[in-house]
Amino acid sequence: MDFSTMNSAEQAQMGKIIEKKQMQDFMRLYSNLVERCFTSCCNDFTSKALGSKEEQCVLNCADKFLKHSERVGARFAELNAEAMGPSK
């Protein structure tokens, strides 16, 4: 986005909107991670502590989820760069 045509107050306002959107996106990602890994891995409620199998499952689930999200973000950035690049 080109903010150069905006005055400083408008740029500050736009910055706040972008920060809020980024925080919402992060919270959505975190909530999805917790929901998915808890549902997939936590099934023994006889103790408040995770069992070793549950803990390993959560670690693997979180790692896979974050790597997937990183890859999707990278691919989106690649496609966005192509779309924004000069037409041939």
N, C-alpha and C. Protein backbone atom coordinates (compact mmCIF):
# COMPACT_ATOMS: atom_id res chain seq x y z
N MET A 1 0.84 -1.18 0.00
CA MET A 1 0.00 0.00 0.00
C MET A 1 0.88 1.24 0.00
N ASP A 2 0.41 2.22 -0.69
CA ASP A 2 1.15 3.48 -0.75
C ASP A 2 0.45 4.50 0.15
N PHE A 3 1.09 4.81 1.26
CA PHE A 3 0.52 5.77 2.20
C PHE A 3 1.04 7.18 1.99
N SER A 4 1.83 7.38 0.94
CA SER A 4 2.48 8.67 0.75
C SER A 4 1.47 9.79 0.45
N THR A 5 0.30 9.44 -0.03
CA THR A 5 -0.69 10.47 -0.32
C THR A 5 -1.51 10.86 0.91
N MET A 6 -1.29 10.14 2.01
CA MET A 6 -2.03 10.43 3.24
C MET A 6 -1.23 11.37 4.13
N ASN A 7 -1.95 12.16 4.91
CA ASN A 7 -1.25 13.01 5.89
C ASN A 7 -0.84 12.14 7.09
N SER A 8 -0.08 12.71 8.00
CA SER A 8 0.46 11.91 9.11
C SER A 8 -0.63 11.34 10.01
N ALA A 9 -1.71 12.07 10.22
CA ALA A 9 -2.80 11.56 11.06
C ALA A 9 -3.47 10.35 10.39
N GLU A 10 -3.67 10.44 9.08
CA GLU A 10 -4.27 9.32 8.34
C GLU A 10 -3.33 8.11 8.33
N GLN A 11 -2.03 8.38 8.18
CA GLN A 11 -1.05 7.29 8.21
C GLN A 11 -1.05 6.60 9.57
N ALA A 12 -1.12 7.38 10.64
CA ALA A 12 -1.15 6.82 12.00
C ALA A 12 -2.42 5.98 12.19
N GLN A 13 -3.53 6.50 11.72
CA GLN A 13 -4.80 5.76 11.83
C GLN A 13 -4.73 4.45 11.05
N MET A 14 -4.18 4.51 9.85
CA MET A 14 -4.05 3.30 9.03
C MET A 14 -3.11 2.30 9.70
N GLY A 15 -2.03 2.80 10.30
CA GLY A 15 -1.11 1.93 11.04
C GLY A 15 -1.81 1.20 12.17
N LYS A 16 -2.68 1.91 12.89
CA LYS A 16 -3.43 1.28 13.99
C LYS A 16 -4.38 0.21 13.47
N ILE A 17 -5.02 0.49 12.35
CA ILE A 17 -5.93 -0.49 11.75
C ILE A 17 -5.17 -1.75 11.34
N ILE A 18 -4.00 -1.56 10.73
CA ILE A 18 -3.19 -2.69 10.30
C ILE A 18 -2.71 -3.50 11.51
N GLU A 19 -2.25 -2.82 12.56
CA GLU A 19 -1.81 -3.51 13.77
C GLU A 19 -2.95 -4.32 14.38
N LYS A 20 -4.14 -3.75 14.43
CA LYS A 20 -5.30 -4.45 14.98
C LYS A 20 -5.61 -5.69 14.15
N LYS A 21 -5.57 -5.56 12.84
CA LYS A 21 -5.83 -6.70 11.95
C LYS A 21 -4.78 -7.78 12.13
N GLN A 22 -3.52 -7.40 12.27
CA GLN A 22 -2.46 -8.37 12.48
C GLN A 22 -2.65 -9.11 13.79
N MET A 23 -3.06 -8.40 14.84
CA MET A 23 -3.31 -9.04 16.14
C MET A 23 -4.49 -10.00 16.04
N GLN A 24 -5.53 -9.61 15.32
CA GLN A 24 -6.67 -10.51 15.14
C GLN A 24 -6.26 -11.77 14.38
N ASP A 25 -5.45 -11.60 13.35
CA ASP A 25 -4.97 -12.74 12.58
C ASP A 25 -4.12 -13.67 13.45
N PHE A 26 -3.25 -13.09 14.28
CA PHE A 26 -2.42 -13.89 15.17
C PHE A 26 -3.29 -14.65 16.17
N MET A 27 -4.27 -13.98 16.75
CA MET A 27 -5.14 -14.64 17.74
C MET A 27 -5.97 -15.75 17.08
N ARG A 28 -6.39 -15.55 15.85
CA ARG A 28 -7.12 -16.59 15.13
C ARG A 28 -6.21 -17.79 14.89
N LEU A 29 -4.98 -17.55 14.47
CA LEU A 29 -4.02 -18.62 14.25
C LEU A 29 -3.77 -19.38 15.54
N TYR A 30 -3.55 -18.66 16.64
CA TYR A 30 -3.29 -19.30 17.93
C TYR A 30 -4.49 -20.11 18.40
N SER A 31 -5.68 -19.56 18.26
CA SER A 31 -6.90 -20.27 18.68
C SER A 31 -7.10 -21.55 17.86
N ASN A 32 -6.85 -21.46 16.56
CA ASN A 32 -6.96 -22.65 15.71
C ASN A 32 -5.94 -23.71 16.10
N LEU A 33 -4.74 -23.28 16.41
CA LEU A 33 -3.69 -24.20 16.85
C LEU A 33 -4.10 -24.91 18.13
N VAL A 34 -4.55 -24.17 19.12
CA VAL A 34 -4.96 -24.75 20.40
C VAL A 34 -6.13 -25.71 20.20
N GLU A 35 -7.13 -25.29 19.46
CA GLU A 35 -8.31 -26.13 19.22
C GLU A 35 -7.93 -27.43 18.55
N ARG A 36 -7.16 -27.32 17.47
CA ARG A 36 -6.80 -28.52 16.70
C ARG A 36 -5.95 -29.49 17.52
N CYS A 37 -4.92 -28.97 18.18
CA CYS A 37 -4.02 -29.86 18.91
C CYS A 37 -4.67 -30.43 20.16
N PHE A 38 -5.48 -29.64 20.85
CA PHE A 38 -6.18 -30.15 22.03
C PHE A 38 -7.14 -31.27 21.62
N THR A 39 -7.92 -31.02 20.57
CA THR A 39 -8.89 -32.02 20.12
C THR A 39 -8.20 -33.30 19.66
N SER A 40 -7.09 -33.16 18.98
CA SER A 40 -6.38 -34.33 18.44
C SER A 40 -5.59 -35.10 19.49
N CYS A 41 -5.06 -34.40 20.48
CA CYS A 41 -4.07 -35.02 21.36
C CYS A 41 -4.53 -35.28 22.79
N CYS A 42 -5.41 -34.48 23.30
CA CYS A 42 -5.76 -34.58 24.72
C CYS A 42 -7.05 -35.37 24.88
N ASN A 43 -6.91 -36.59 25.41
CA ASN A 43 -8.08 -37.44 25.56
C ASN A 43 -8.14 -38.16 26.90
N ASP A 44 -7.15 -37.97 27.74
CA ASP A 44 -7.14 -38.59 29.07
C ASP A 44 -7.31 -37.49 30.10
N PHE A 45 -8.50 -37.41 30.68
CA PHE A 45 -8.80 -36.33 31.62
C PHE A 45 -8.78 -36.80 33.07
N THR A 46 -8.06 -37.90 33.33
CA THR A 46 -7.96 -38.40 34.71
C THR A 46 -6.88 -37.67 35.50
N SER A 47 -6.07 -36.86 34.81
CA SER A 47 -5.01 -36.09 35.45
C SER A 47 -4.96 -34.70 34.82
N LYS A 48 -4.56 -33.71 35.61
CA LYS A 48 -4.46 -32.37 35.03
C LYS A 48 -3.18 -32.19 34.22
N ALA A 49 -2.23 -33.10 34.39
CA ALA A 49 -0.97 -33.05 33.64
C ALA A 49 -1.10 -33.87 32.35
N LEU A 50 -0.37 -33.46 31.34
CA LEU A 50 -0.34 -34.23 30.10
C LEU A 50 0.49 -35.49 30.29
N GLY A 51 0.03 -36.57 29.70
CA GLY A 51 0.85 -37.77 29.66
C GLY A 51 1.95 -37.60 28.63
N SER A 52 2.93 -38.48 28.65
CA SER A 52 4.05 -38.33 27.72
C SER A 52 3.59 -38.45 26.26
N LYS A 53 2.65 -39.35 25.98
CA LYS A 53 2.15 -39.48 24.60
C LYS A 53 1.38 -38.23 24.19
N GLU A 54 0.57 -37.69 25.11
CA GLU A 54 -0.17 -36.48 24.81
C GLU A 54 0.78 -35.30 24.58
N GLU A 55 1.77 -35.20 25.44
CA GLU A 55 2.73 -34.09 25.30
C GLU A 55 3.47 -34.16 23.97
N GLN A 56 3.91 -35.35 23.59
CA GLN A 56 4.61 -35.51 22.31
C GLN A 56 3.67 -35.20 21.14
N CYS A 57 2.43 -35.63 21.27
CA CYS A 57 1.44 -35.35 20.23
C CYS A 57 1.23 -33.84 20.08
N VAL A 58 1.10 -33.14 21.19
CA VAL A 58 0.91 -31.69 21.16
C VAL A 58 2.11 -31.00 20.51
N LEU A 59 3.30 -31.42 20.88
CA LEU A 59 4.51 -30.83 20.29
C LEU A 59 4.56 -31.06 18.78
N ASN A 60 4.28 -32.28 18.35
CA ASN A 60 4.28 -32.59 16.92
C ASN A 60 3.18 -31.82 16.19
N CYS A 61 2.00 -31.77 16.80
CA CYS A 61 0.87 -31.06 16.19
C CYS A 61 1.19 -29.58 16.03
N ALA A 62 1.70 -28.95 17.08
CA ALA A 62 2.02 -27.52 17.03
C ALA A 62 3.10 -27.26 15.99
N ASP A 63 4.12 -28.10 15.95
CA ASP A 63 5.20 -27.93 14.99
C ASP A 63 4.67 -28.03 13.56
N LYS A 64 3.87 -29.04 13.31
CA LYS A 64 3.31 -29.23 11.96
C LYS A 64 2.37 -28.08 11.58
N PHE A 65 1.55 -27.65 12.52
CA PHE A 65 0.61 -26.56 12.26
C PHE A 65 1.36 -25.27 11.93
N LEU A 66 2.40 -24.96 12.70
CA LEU A 66 3.16 -23.73 12.48
C LEU A 66 3.94 -23.78 11.17
N LYS A 67 4.51 -24.94 10.85
CA LYS A 67 5.22 -25.08 9.57
C LYS A 67 4.25 -24.94 8.40
N HIS A 68 3.07 -25.50 8.55
CA HIS A 68 2.05 -25.37 7.50
C HIS A 68 1.66 -23.90 7.33
N SER A 69 1.41 -23.22 8.43
CA SER A 69 1.02 -21.81 8.36
C SER A 69 2.13 -20.96 7.74
N GLU A 70 3.37 -21.27 8.08
CA GLU A 70 4.51 -20.55 7.52
C GLU A 70 4.59 -20.77 6.01
N ARG A 71 4.39 -22.00 5.58
CA ARG A 71 4.45 -22.31 4.15
C ARG A 71 3.32 -21.63 3.39
N VAL A 72 2.13 -21.65 3.96
CA VAL A 72 1.00 -20.99 3.31
C VAL A 72 1.27 -19.49 3.19
N GLY A 73 1.80 -18.89 4.26
CA GLY A 73 2.13 -17.47 4.23
C GLY A 73 3.19 -17.15 3.19
N ALA A 74 4.20 -18.00 3.08
CA ALA A 74 5.26 -17.79 2.11
C ALA A 74 4.71 -17.90 0.68
N ARG A 75 3.85 -18.89 0.47
CA ARG A 75 3.27 -19.07 -0.86
C ARG A 75 2.36 -17.89 -1.22
N PHE A 76 1.60 -17.42 -0.25
CA PHE A 76 0.75 -16.25 -0.47
C PHE A 76 1.61 -15.05 -0.84
N ALA A 77 2.73 -14.86 -0.14
CA ALA A 77 3.63 -13.74 -0.45
C ALA A 77 4.20 -13.87 -1.86
N GLU A 78 4.55 -15.11 -2.27
CA GLU A 78 5.06 -15.33 -3.63
C GLU A 78 4.00 -14.95 -4.67
N LEU A 79 2.78 -15.41 -4.45
CA LEU A 79 1.71 -15.11 -5.41
C LEU A 79 1.38 -13.62 -5.43
N ASN A 80 1.43 -12.99 -4.27
CA ASN A 80 1.18 -11.56 -4.19
C ASN A 80 2.27 -10.77 -4.92
N ALA A 81 3.53 -11.20 -4.77
CA ALA A 81 4.64 -10.53 -5.46
C ALA A 81 4.49 -10.67 -6.97
N GLU A 82 4.06 -11.86 -7.42
CA GLU A 82 3.85 -12.05 -8.85
C GLU A 82 2.73 -11.15 -9.37
N ALA A 83 1.67 -11.05 -8.59
CA ALA A 83 0.53 -10.23 -9.00
C ALA A 83 0.87 -8.75 -9.03
N MET A 84 1.75 -8.32 -8.14
CA MET A 84 2.11 -6.91 -8.05
C MET A 84 3.24 -6.53 -9.00
N GLY A 85 3.92 -7.54 -9.54
CA GLY A 85 5.06 -7.29 -10.42
C GLY A 85 4.62 -6.72 -11.76
N PRO A 86 5.61 -6.26 -12.52
CA PRO A 86 5.29 -5.68 -13.84
C PRO A 86 4.71 -6.74 -14.77
N SER A 87 3.75 -6.34 -15.57
CA SER A 87 3.14 -7.25 -16.54
C SER A 87 4.11 -7.49 -17.69
N LYS A 88 4.11 -8.73 -18.19
CA LYS A 88 5.01 -9.07 -19.30
C LYS A 88 4.21 -9.24 -20.57
